[in-house]
């Protein structure tokens, strides 16, 4: 099965949620599932850490 996990990290919002999602992704992957993370390229993100273990698609940032 394929799973997509949408999560962001930055200097302002932190990284805790990403780490919790990576734990979930690890269990999914151990059970032969494919996991892709979807994340914005915010300042201070940890996308390089995500890319070491999982597929990552960067979502463009739109000005609000």
N, C-alpha and C. Protein backbone atom coordinates (compact mmCIF):
# COMPACT_ATOMS: atom_id res chain seq x y z
N UNK A 1 0.84 -1.16 0.00
CA UNK A 1 0.00 0.00 0.00
C UNK A 1 0.90 1.24 0.00
N UNK A 2 0.43 2.31 -0.55
CA UNK A 2 1.15 3.58 -0.59
C UNK A 2 0.56 4.55 0.42
N UNK A 3 1.45 5.24 1.12
CA UNK A 3 1.02 6.25 2.09
C UNK A 3 1.74 7.55 1.82
N UNK A 4 1.04 8.66 1.98
CA UNK A 4 1.63 10.00 1.90
C UNK A 4 1.41 10.67 3.25
N UNK A 5 2.48 11.22 3.78
CA UNK A 5 2.40 11.92 5.06
C UNK A 5 2.73 13.38 4.81
N UNK A 6 1.78 14.25 5.10
CA UNK A 6 1.95 15.69 4.91
C UNK A 6 2.38 16.30 6.23
N UNK A 7 3.57 16.88 6.27
CA UNK A 7 4.10 17.44 7.50
C UNK A 7 5.12 18.53 7.17
N UNK A 8 5.18 19.56 8.00
CA UNK A 8 6.16 20.63 7.86
C UNK A 8 7.00 20.74 9.12
N UNK A 9 8.16 21.35 8.96
CA UNK A 9 9.01 21.70 10.09
C UNK A 9 9.68 23.03 9.77
N UNK A 10 10.00 23.77 10.81
CA UNK A 10 10.68 25.05 10.61
C UNK A 10 11.18 25.57 11.95
N UNK A 11 11.90 26.69 11.88
CA UNK A 11 12.37 27.34 13.10
C UNK A 11 11.20 27.75 13.98
N UNK A 12 10.10 28.13 13.37
CA UNK A 12 8.94 28.62 14.13
C UNK A 12 8.04 27.50 14.65
N UNK A 13 7.81 26.48 13.84
CA UNK A 13 6.84 25.44 14.25
C UNK A 13 7.49 24.22 14.86
N UNK A 14 8.82 24.10 14.76
CA UNK A 14 9.51 22.99 15.39
C UNK A 14 9.59 21.75 14.53
N UNK A 15 10.07 20.65 15.17
CA UNK A 15 10.33 19.41 14.44
C UNK A 15 9.68 18.18 15.08
N UNK A 16 9.04 18.35 16.22
CA UNK A 16 8.48 17.21 16.95
C UNK A 16 7.48 16.40 16.15
N UNK A 17 6.60 17.08 15.42
CA UNK A 17 5.59 16.37 14.65
C UNK A 17 6.24 15.53 13.54
N UNK A 18 7.30 16.05 12.95
CA UNK A 18 8.01 15.30 11.90
C UNK A 18 8.59 14.01 12.49
N UNK A 19 9.20 14.11 13.66
CA UNK A 19 9.78 12.92 14.27
C UNK A 19 8.71 11.88 14.61
N UNK A 20 7.56 12.32 15.08
CA UNK A 20 6.46 11.37 15.35
C UNK A 20 5.98 10.73 14.05
N UNK A 21 5.88 11.50 13.00
CA UNK A 21 5.46 10.96 11.70
C UNK A 21 6.50 9.99 11.14
N UNK A 22 7.77 10.25 11.39
CA UNK A 22 8.81 9.34 10.91
C UNK A 22 8.75 8.01 11.65
N UNK A 23 8.35 8.03 12.91
CA UNK A 23 8.18 6.76 13.64
C UNK A 23 7.03 5.96 13.03
N UNK A 24 5.94 6.64 12.71
CA UNK A 24 4.82 5.98 12.04
C UNK A 24 5.27 5.43 10.69
N UNK A 25 6.01 6.23 9.94
CA UNK A 25 6.48 5.81 8.62
C UNK A 25 7.38 4.58 8.72
N UNK A 26 8.21 4.52 9.76
CA UNK A 26 9.09 3.37 9.94
C UNK A 26 8.28 2.08 10.09
N UNK A 27 7.21 2.14 10.90
CA UNK A 27 6.37 0.96 11.09
C UNK A 27 5.68 0.58 9.78
N UNK A 28 5.19 1.58 9.06
CA UNK A 28 4.54 1.31 7.77
C UNK A 28 5.53 0.65 6.81
N UNK A 29 6.74 1.17 6.75
CA UNK A 29 7.76 0.64 5.85
C UNK A 29 8.17 -0.78 6.24
N UNK A 30 8.27 -1.04 7.55
CA UNK A 30 8.60 -2.39 8.03
C UNK A 30 7.55 -3.41 7.63
N UNK A 31 6.33 -2.93 7.38
CA UNK A 31 5.23 -3.80 6.97
C UNK A 31 5.01 -3.74 5.47
N UNK A 32 6.09 -3.46 4.74
CA UNK A 32 6.11 -3.49 3.27
C UNK A 32 5.21 -2.48 2.59
N UNK A 33 5.06 -1.32 3.20
CA UNK A 33 4.32 -0.23 2.59
C UNK A 33 5.30 0.81 2.05
N UNK A 34 4.86 1.57 1.07
CA UNK A 34 5.67 2.65 0.52
C UNK A 34 5.22 3.96 1.17
N UNK A 35 6.18 4.75 1.65
CA UNK A 35 5.85 6.00 2.34
C UNK A 35 6.53 7.16 1.62
N UNK A 36 5.75 8.19 1.35
CA UNK A 36 6.26 9.43 0.78
C UNK A 36 5.86 10.58 1.69
N UNK A 37 6.82 11.44 2.00
CA UNK A 37 6.52 12.63 2.79
C UNK A 37 6.29 13.80 1.85
N UNK A 38 5.36 14.66 2.21
CA UNK A 38 5.07 15.89 1.49
C UNK A 38 5.34 17.03 2.46
N UNK A 39 6.26 17.92 2.10
CA UNK A 39 6.66 18.96 3.03
C UNK A 39 7.04 20.23 2.30
N UNK A 40 6.77 21.36 2.93
CA UNK A 40 7.20 22.65 2.39
C UNK A 40 8.67 22.87 2.72
N UNK A 41 9.29 23.76 2.00
CA UNK A 41 10.69 24.07 2.21
C UNK A 41 10.81 25.34 3.07
N UNK A 42 10.33 25.25 4.31
CA UNK A 42 10.35 26.39 5.21
C UNK A 42 11.73 26.58 5.82
N UNK A 43 12.03 27.79 6.27
CA UNK A 43 13.33 28.09 6.87
C UNK A 43 13.52 27.28 8.15
N UNK A 44 14.62 26.55 8.22
CA UNK A 44 14.92 25.75 9.39
C UNK A 44 14.28 24.37 9.39
N UNK A 45 13.87 23.89 8.21
CA UNK A 45 13.23 22.57 8.12
C UNK A 45 14.26 21.45 8.29
N UNK A 46 13.73 20.22 8.44
CA UNK A 46 14.62 19.05 8.54
C UNK A 46 14.36 18.08 7.38
N UNK A 47 14.07 18.64 6.22
CA UNK A 47 13.80 17.82 5.04
C UNK A 47 14.98 16.92 4.68
N UNK A 48 16.21 17.35 4.94
CA UNK A 48 17.36 16.51 4.62
C UNK A 48 17.36 15.23 5.46
N UNK A 49 16.87 15.31 6.67
CA UNK A 49 16.77 14.12 7.53
C UNK A 49 15.71 13.17 6.99
N UNK A 50 14.57 13.72 6.56
CA UNK A 50 13.50 12.90 5.98
C UNK A 50 14.02 12.17 4.75
N UNK A 51 14.75 12.91 3.88
CA UNK A 51 15.23 12.35 2.61
C UNK A 51 16.22 11.20 2.80
N UNK A 52 16.85 11.12 3.95
CA UNK A 52 17.81 10.03 4.18
C UNK A 52 17.13 8.67 4.24
N UNK A 53 15.83 8.64 4.62
CA UNK A 53 15.15 7.36 4.81
C UNK A 53 13.90 7.18 3.96
N UNK A 54 13.33 8.27 3.46
CA UNK A 54 12.03 8.19 2.78
C UNK A 54 12.03 9.06 1.53
N UNK A 55 11.07 8.78 0.67
CA UNK A 55 10.84 9.66 -0.48
C UNK A 55 10.27 10.97 0.05
N UNK A 56 10.66 12.07 -0.57
CA UNK A 56 10.18 13.39 -0.15
C UNK A 56 9.80 14.20 -1.37
N UNK A 57 8.60 14.75 -1.36
CA UNK A 57 8.17 15.70 -2.38
C UNK A 57 8.01 17.05 -1.69
N UNK A 58 8.71 18.04 -2.22
CA UNK A 58 8.64 19.39 -1.64
C UNK A 58 7.47 20.14 -2.26
N UNK A 59 6.67 20.72 -1.40
CA UNK A 59 5.48 21.47 -1.82
C UNK A 59 5.85 22.94 -1.91
N UNK A 60 5.52 23.61 -3.01
CA UNK A 60 5.83 25.04 -3.12
C UNK A 60 5.11 25.86 -2.05
N UNK A 61 5.79 26.87 -1.55
CA UNK A 61 5.20 27.77 -0.55
C UNK A 61 4.49 28.89 -1.27
N UNK A 62 3.24 29.14 -0.90
CA UNK A 62 2.48 30.24 -1.47
C UNK A 62 2.35 31.33 -0.42
N UNK A 63 2.51 32.55 -0.85
CA UNK A 63 2.33 33.68 0.08
C UNK A 63 0.85 33.85 0.39
N UNK A 64 0.57 34.00 1.66
CA UNK A 64 -0.84 34.15 2.08
C UNK A 64 -1.11 35.59 2.42
